Amino acid sequence: MVASRLPINYDSHEINPVEGGWLSTRQKDPVHSLVEDWYTTAEVAGTYGVEPAAVLRMIRRGRLPASKLGWVWVVHKDDMPSRWPPPNNA
């Protein structure tokens, strides 16, 4: 199993009521900044024109690095393979 690389940094956003708090126009939405570089298995499948089950199979076999977010597998954009199927690293 691949260790999680989810970029959770709660100190990156300061609450400042004068500036509008977390969702001021000068700051990114904190939830959006956490997920903008991550793709669900359905999004990965759509990118390569395969079924989501094929993506899950590659994750289970260790050929596609992924992290579990709740009950959803997500793949970081830097871990997206250049072609499908991903190369066998074992």
N, C-alpha and C. Protein backbone atom coordinates (compact mmCIF):
# COMPACT_ATOMS: atom_id res chain seq x y z
N MET A 1 0.84 -1.18 0.00
CA MET A 1 0.00 0.00 0.00
C MET A 1 0.89 1.24 0.00
N VAL A 2 0.57 2.24 -0.79
CA VAL A 2 1.34 3.47 -0.89
C VAL A 2 0.94 4.41 0.24
N ALA A 3 1.93 5.03 0.86
CA ALA A 3 1.65 5.98 1.94
C ALA A 3 0.90 7.18 1.39
N SER A 4 0.05 7.73 2.19
CA SER A 4 -0.77 8.87 1.77
C SER A 4 0.08 10.11 1.59
N ARG A 5 -0.19 10.86 0.51
CA ARG A 5 0.51 12.12 0.27
C ARG A 5 -0.46 13.29 0.30
N LEU A 6 -1.61 13.13 0.93
CA LEU A 6 -2.58 14.22 0.94
C LEU A 6 -1.99 15.43 1.64
N PRO A 7 -1.99 16.59 0.98
CA PRO A 7 -1.32 17.78 1.52
C PRO A 7 -2.18 18.53 2.53
N ILE A 8 -2.31 17.99 3.70
CA ILE A 8 -3.13 18.66 4.71
C ILE A 8 -2.23 19.53 5.57
N ASN A 9 -2.42 20.82 5.48
CA ASN A 9 -1.65 21.78 6.26
C ASN A 9 -2.63 22.82 6.78
N TYR A 10 -3.06 22.63 8.01
CA TYR A 10 -4.08 23.50 8.57
C TYR A 10 -3.53 24.87 8.94
N ASP A 11 -2.21 25.03 9.02
CA ASP A 11 -1.62 26.31 9.40
C ASP A 11 -1.47 27.25 8.22
N SER A 12 -1.79 26.80 7.00
CA SER A 12 -1.56 27.63 5.83
C SER A 12 -2.61 28.72 5.66
N HIS A 13 -3.72 28.65 6.36
CA HIS A 13 -4.77 29.65 6.25
C HIS A 13 -5.04 30.24 7.62
N GLU A 14 -4.88 31.54 7.73
CA GLU A 14 -5.14 32.20 9.00
C GLU A 14 -6.54 32.80 8.98
N ILE A 15 -7.21 32.73 10.10
CA ILE A 15 -8.54 33.33 10.20
C ILE A 15 -8.36 34.78 10.60
N ASN A 16 -8.80 35.67 9.73
CA ASN A 16 -8.69 37.10 9.98
C ASN A 16 -10.04 37.72 9.64
N PRO A 17 -10.88 38.02 10.66
CA PRO A 17 -12.22 38.53 10.36
C PRO A 17 -12.21 39.84 9.59
N VAL A 18 -11.17 40.63 9.75
CA VAL A 18 -11.10 41.91 9.03
C VAL A 18 -10.89 41.67 7.54
N GLU A 19 -10.10 40.69 7.21
CA GLU A 19 -9.79 40.38 5.81
C GLU A 19 -10.85 39.50 5.16
N GLY A 20 -11.80 39.00 5.92
CA GLY A 20 -12.84 38.15 5.37
C GLY A 20 -12.69 36.69 5.74
N GLY A 21 -11.75 36.37 6.61
CA GLY A 21 -11.61 34.99 7.07
C GLY A 21 -11.02 34.08 6.01
N TRP A 22 -11.33 32.80 6.12
CA TRP A 22 -10.76 31.80 5.23
C TRP A 22 -11.11 32.01 3.77
N LEU A 23 -12.30 32.53 3.51
CA LEU A 23 -12.76 32.63 2.12
C LEU A 23 -12.64 34.03 1.56
N SER A 24 -11.65 34.79 2.05
CA SER A 24 -11.45 36.13 1.49
C SER A 24 -10.98 36.01 0.05
N THR A 25 -11.08 37.09 -0.70
CA THR A 25 -10.70 37.05 -2.11
C THR A 25 -9.20 36.92 -2.28
N ARG A 26 -8.43 37.16 -1.24
CA ARG A 26 -6.98 37.07 -1.34
C ARG A 26 -6.46 35.66 -1.07
N GLN A 27 -7.34 34.74 -0.67
CA GLN A 27 -6.93 33.38 -0.36
C GLN A 27 -7.75 32.39 -1.18
N LYS A 28 -7.16 31.23 -1.43
CA LYS A 28 -7.89 30.17 -2.09
C LYS A 28 -8.85 29.52 -1.12
N ASP A 29 -9.91 28.96 -1.65
CA ASP A 29 -10.81 28.15 -0.85
C ASP A 29 -9.99 26.95 -0.34
N PRO A 30 -9.93 26.72 0.97
CA PRO A 30 -9.05 25.66 1.49
C PRO A 30 -9.42 24.26 1.02
N VAL A 31 -10.69 23.99 0.82
CA VAL A 31 -11.08 22.66 0.33
C VAL A 31 -10.64 22.49 -1.11
N HIS A 32 -10.82 23.51 -1.93
CA HIS A 32 -10.41 23.44 -3.33
C HIS A 32 -8.90 23.24 -3.44
N SER A 33 -8.13 23.91 -2.60
CA SER A 33 -6.68 23.78 -2.68
C SER A 33 -6.22 22.38 -2.29
N LEU A 34 -7.01 21.66 -1.50
CA LEU A 34 -6.65 20.30 -1.13
C LEU A 34 -6.92 19.30 -2.24
N VAL A 35 -7.93 19.52 -3.06
CA VAL A 35 -8.35 18.51 -4.03
C VAL A 35 -8.06 18.87 -5.48
N GLU A 36 -7.53 20.03 -5.76
CA GLU A 36 -7.39 20.43 -7.16
C GLU A 36 -6.35 19.60 -7.93
N ASP A 37 -5.40 18.99 -7.25
CA ASP A 37 -4.38 18.20 -7.92
C ASP A 37 -4.63 16.70 -7.82
N TRP A 38 -5.81 16.30 -7.38
CA TRP A 38 -6.13 14.89 -7.18
C TRP A 38 -7.30 14.50 -8.08
N TYR A 39 -7.26 13.28 -8.62
CA TYR A 39 -8.29 12.79 -9.52
C TYR A 39 -8.93 11.52 -8.95
N THR A 40 -10.24 11.40 -9.08
CA THR A 40 -10.94 10.18 -8.66
C THR A 40 -10.68 9.09 -9.68
N THR A 41 -11.04 7.87 -9.32
CA THR A 41 -10.85 6.76 -10.26
C THR A 41 -11.69 6.96 -11.52
N ALA A 42 -12.86 7.57 -11.39
CA ALA A 42 -13.70 7.83 -12.57
C ALA A 42 -13.03 8.85 -13.50
N GLU A 43 -12.39 9.87 -12.92
CA GLU A 43 -11.70 10.87 -13.73
C GLU A 43 -10.48 10.27 -14.42
N VAL A 44 -9.75 9.41 -13.71
CA VAL A 44 -8.60 8.74 -14.32
C VAL A 44 -9.07 7.83 -15.46
N ALA A 45 -10.15 7.10 -15.21
CA ALA A 45 -10.69 6.21 -16.25
C ALA A 45 -11.11 7.00 -17.48
N GLY A 46 -11.76 8.14 -17.29
CA GLY A 46 -12.17 8.97 -18.41
C GLY A 46 -11.00 9.51 -19.20
N THR A 47 -9.90 9.81 -18.52
CA THR A 47 -8.71 10.34 -19.18
C THR A 47 -8.11 9.31 -20.15
N TYR A 48 -8.11 8.04 -19.74
CA TYR A 48 -7.48 7.01 -20.56
C TYR A 48 -8.48 6.17 -21.35
N GLY A 49 -9.77 6.43 -21.19
CA GLY A 49 -10.78 5.70 -21.95
C GLY A 49 -10.93 4.25 -21.51
N VAL A 50 -10.79 4.02 -20.20
CA VAL A 50 -10.96 2.66 -19.65
C VAL A 50 -12.07 2.69 -18.61
N GLU A 51 -12.47 1.52 -18.15
CA GLU A 51 -13.49 1.41 -17.12
C GLU A 51 -12.88 1.74 -15.75
N PRO A 52 -13.67 2.34 -14.83
CA PRO A 52 -13.17 2.59 -13.47
C PRO A 52 -12.67 1.33 -12.78
N ALA A 53 -13.25 0.18 -13.10
CA ALA A 53 -12.79 -1.08 -12.50
C ALA A 53 -11.33 -1.37 -12.88
N ALA A 54 -10.92 -0.99 -14.09
CA ALA A 54 -9.53 -1.20 -14.52
C ALA A 54 -8.58 -0.33 -13.70
N VAL A 55 -9.01 0.88 -13.37
CA VAL A 55 -8.20 1.77 -12.53
C VAL A 55 -8.06 1.18 -11.13
N LEU A 56 -9.17 0.72 -10.57
CA LEU A 56 -9.12 0.10 -9.24
C LEU A 56 -8.23 -1.14 -9.23
N ARG A 57 -8.26 -1.91 -10.31
CA ARG A 57 -7.44 -3.11 -10.41
C ARG A 57 -5.94 -2.73 -10.39
N MET A 58 -5.57 -1.68 -11.10
CA MET A 58 -4.17 -1.24 -11.13
C MET A 58 -3.74 -0.70 -9.76
N ILE A 59 -4.66 -0.06 -9.04
CA ILE A 59 -4.36 0.41 -7.69
C ILE A 59 -4.12 -0.78 -6.77
N ARG A 60 -5.01 -1.78 -6.83
CA ARG A 60 -4.87 -2.97 -5.97
C ARG A 60 -3.59 -3.74 -6.27
N ARG A 61 -3.18 -3.75 -7.51
CA ARG A 61 -1.96 -4.48 -7.89
C ARG A 61 -0.69 -3.68 -7.61
N GLY A 62 -0.83 -2.43 -7.18
CA GLY A 62 0.33 -1.60 -6.87
C GLY A 62 0.96 -0.94 -8.07
N ARG A 63 0.28 -0.95 -9.19
CA ARG A 63 0.82 -0.35 -10.42
C ARG A 63 0.45 1.11 -10.57
N LEU A 64 -0.48 1.59 -9.76
CA LEU A 64 -0.90 2.99 -9.81
C LEU A 64 -0.96 3.52 -8.38
N PRO A 65 -0.05 4.41 -7.99
CA PRO A 65 -0.07 4.95 -6.63
C PRO A 65 -1.35 5.75 -6.39
N ALA A 66 -1.99 5.51 -5.25
CA ALA A 66 -3.23 6.20 -4.93
C ALA A 66 -3.37 6.30 -3.42
N SER A 67 -4.25 7.20 -2.99
CA SER A 67 -4.57 7.36 -1.57
C SER A 67 -6.06 7.21 -1.40
N LYS A 68 -6.45 6.74 -0.24
CA LYS A 68 -7.88 6.56 0.05
C LYS A 68 -8.36 7.80 0.79
N LEU A 69 -9.39 8.45 0.28
CA LEU A 69 -10.00 9.62 0.89
C LEU A 69 -11.43 9.24 1.22
N GLY A 70 -11.67 8.85 2.48
CA GLY A 70 -12.97 8.30 2.84
C GLY A 70 -13.11 6.94 2.18
N TRP A 71 -14.10 6.78 1.34
CA TRP A 71 -14.29 5.52 0.61
C TRP A 71 -13.91 5.67 -0.86
N VAL A 72 -13.28 6.78 -1.22
CA VAL A 72 -12.93 7.07 -2.61
C VAL A 72 -11.41 7.03 -2.78
N TRP A 73 -10.95 6.31 -3.78
CA TRP A 73 -9.54 6.33 -4.13
C TRP A 73 -9.25 7.56 -4.97
N VAL A 74 -8.14 8.24 -4.70
CA VAL A 74 -7.73 9.41 -5.47
C VAL A 74 -6.28 9.24 -5.91
N VAL A 75 -5.97 9.76 -7.09
CA VAL A 75 -4.64 9.67 -7.67
C VAL A 75 -4.11 11.09 -7.85
N HIS A 76 -2.89 11.34 -7.38
CA HIS A 76 -2.29 12.67 -7.53
C HIS A 76 -1.88 12.87 -8.99
N LYS A 77 -1.95 14.10 -9.46
CA LYS A 77 -1.66 14.36 -10.87
C LYS A 77 -0.23 13.99 -11.23
N ASP A 78 0.71 14.07 -10.28
CA ASP A 78 2.10 13.70 -10.56
C ASP A 78 2.27 12.19 -10.71
N ASP A 79 1.30 11.41 -10.22
CA ASP A 79 1.37 9.96 -10.31
C ASP A 79 0.62 9.40 -11.51
N MET A 80 0.02 10.27 -12.32
CA MET A 80 -0.71 9.80 -13.50
C MET A 80 0.29 9.26 -14.52
N PRO A 81 0.05 8.04 -15.02
CA PRO A 81 0.99 7.46 -15.98
C PRO A 81 0.90 8.15 -17.34
N SER A 82 1.98 8.08 -18.09
CA SER A 82 1.98 8.71 -19.42
C SER A 82 1.16 7.89 -20.42
N ARG A 83 0.96 6.61 -20.13
CA ARG A 83 0.16 5.74 -21.01
C ARG A 83 -0.58 4.74 -20.14
N TRP A 84 -1.59 4.09 -20.74
CA TRP A 84 -2.34 3.05 -20.04
C TRP A 84 -2.12 1.73 -20.74
N PRO A 85 -1.90 0.64 -20.06
CA PRO A 85 -1.84 0.48 -18.62
C PRO A 85 -0.52 0.99 -18.06
N PRO A 86 -0.50 1.36 -16.77
CA PRO A 86 0.74 1.84 -16.17
C PRO A 86 1.78 0.73 -16.15
N PRO A 87 3.06 1.10 -16.20
CA PRO A 87 4.11 0.07 -16.21
C PRO A 87 4.13 -0.71 -14.89
N ASN A 88 4.56 -1.95 -14.97
CA ASN A 88 4.65 -2.80 -13.78
C ASN A 88 5.98 -2.51 -13.09
N ASN A 89 5.91 -1.89 -11.90
CA ASN A 89 7.11 -1.51 -11.16
C ASN A 89 7.62 -2.61 -10.25
N ALA A 90 6.91 -3.72 -10.19
CA ALA A 90 7.31 -4.79 -9.25
C ALA A 90 8.43 -5.62 -9.82
